[in-house]
Amino acid sequence: MSTMSIVGLEQAINQCKRLHPPVDYVLTPELRMLATLWGDMIYRHIETIELDALPAELKSLVERWHLGIACDVCQ
């Protein structure tokens, strides 16, 4: 199974935020999904997640942003 650390997720969030910054303090839908996952990891004290355990849409989103591939939905 493929895993991602919270540091890797933070890098994905920062990449997304740089390319699609919040407007009037409102996060884009994809940035909100990434931030929600990050917040859950913080709350539950989880340092690494199994990507295969995530819903398919969230897994794909995490992988795209972590690899630095700009998303087409978050425009």
Protein backbone atom coordinates (compact mmCIF):
# COMPACT_ATOMS: atom_id res chain seq x y z
CA MET A 1 0.00 0.00 0.00
CA SER A 2 1.05 3.53 -0.69
CA THR A 3 1.37 5.92 2.26
CA MET A 4 1.77 9.63 2.78
CA SER A 5 3.14 11.46 5.76
CA ILE A 6 1.55 14.57 7.21
CA VAL A 7 4.57 16.49 5.91
CA GLY A 8 3.85 15.26 2.37
CA LEU A 9 0.22 16.29 2.76
CA GLU A 10 1.32 19.74 3.97
CA GLN A 11 3.47 20.07 0.84
CA ALA A 12 0.47 19.16 -1.33
CA ILE A 13 -1.67 21.75 0.49
CA ASN A 14 0.98 24.43 0.03
CA GLN A 15 1.31 23.61 -3.66
CA CYS A 16 -2.45 23.87 -4.14
CA LYS A 17 -2.62 27.07 -2.10
CA ARG A 18 0.16 28.70 -4.13
CA LEU A 19 -1.50 27.96 -7.44
CA HIS A 20 -5.08 28.57 -6.28
CA PRO A 21 -5.02 30.92 -3.29
CA PRO A 22 -8.15 31.48 -1.21
CA VAL A 23 -10.30 34.38 -2.34
CA ASP A 24 -11.84 36.45 0.46
CA TYR A 25 -10.66 33.74 2.91
CA VAL A 26 -12.66 31.05 1.07
CA LEU A 27 -10.75 27.89 0.19
CA THR A 28 -11.24 26.21 -3.16
CA PRO A 29 -13.11 22.88 -2.94
CA GLU A 30 -9.93 20.86 -3.48
CA LEU A 31 -7.94 22.86 -0.95
CA ARG A 32 -10.77 22.40 1.53
CA MET A 33 -10.68 18.61 1.02
CA LEU A 34 -6.92 18.51 1.58
CA ALA A 35 -7.18 20.76 4.64
CA THR A 36 -9.95 18.62 6.11
CA LEU A 37 -7.80 15.51 5.78
CA TRP A 38 -4.84 17.36 7.33
CA GLY A 39 -7.00 18.57 10.22
CA ASP A 40 -8.26 15.05 10.84
CA MET A 41 -4.70 13.75 10.94
CA ILE A 42 -3.72 16.47 13.42
CA TYR A 43 -6.78 15.82 15.61
CA ARG A 44 -6.19 12.07 15.67
CA HIS A 45 -2.38 12.37 16.03
CA ILE A 46 -1.79 10.41 12.82
CA GLU A 47 1.59 10.93 11.15
CA THR A 48 1.06 8.68 8.11
CA ILE A 49 -2.00 7.63 6.15
CA GLU A 50 -2.65 4.72 3.82
CA LEU A 51 -3.73 6.29 0.54
CA ASP A 52 -5.66 3.17 -0.44
CA ALA A 53 -7.90 3.68 2.61
CA LEU A 54 -9.06 7.08 1.33
CA PRO A 55 -12.09 7.58 -0.91
CA ALA A 56 -11.00 7.41 -4.57
CA GLU A 57 -11.60 11.12 -5.23
CA LEU A 58 -9.55 12.20 -2.21
CA LYS A 59 -6.77 9.71 -2.97
CA SER A 60 -6.50 11.01 -6.52
CA LEU A 61 -6.50 14.60 -5.30
CA VAL A 62 -3.74 13.96 -2.74
CA GLU A 63 -1.61 12.15 -5.28
CA ARG A 64 -2.03 14.83 -7.97
CA TRP A 65 -1.08 17.71 -5.69
CA HIS A 66 1.72 15.81 -3.98
CA LEU A 67 3.25 15.04 -7.36
CA GLY A 68 2.90 18.71 -8.33
CA ILE A 69 0.40 18.08 -11.09
CA ALA A 70 -1.98 21.04 -11.23
CA CYS A 71 -5.57 19.97 -11.05
CA ASP A 72 -8.10 20.92 -13.70
CA VAL A 73 -11.07 21.12 -11.30
CA CYS A 74 -9.52 23.71 -9.00
CA GLN A 75 -9.42 26.60 -11.47
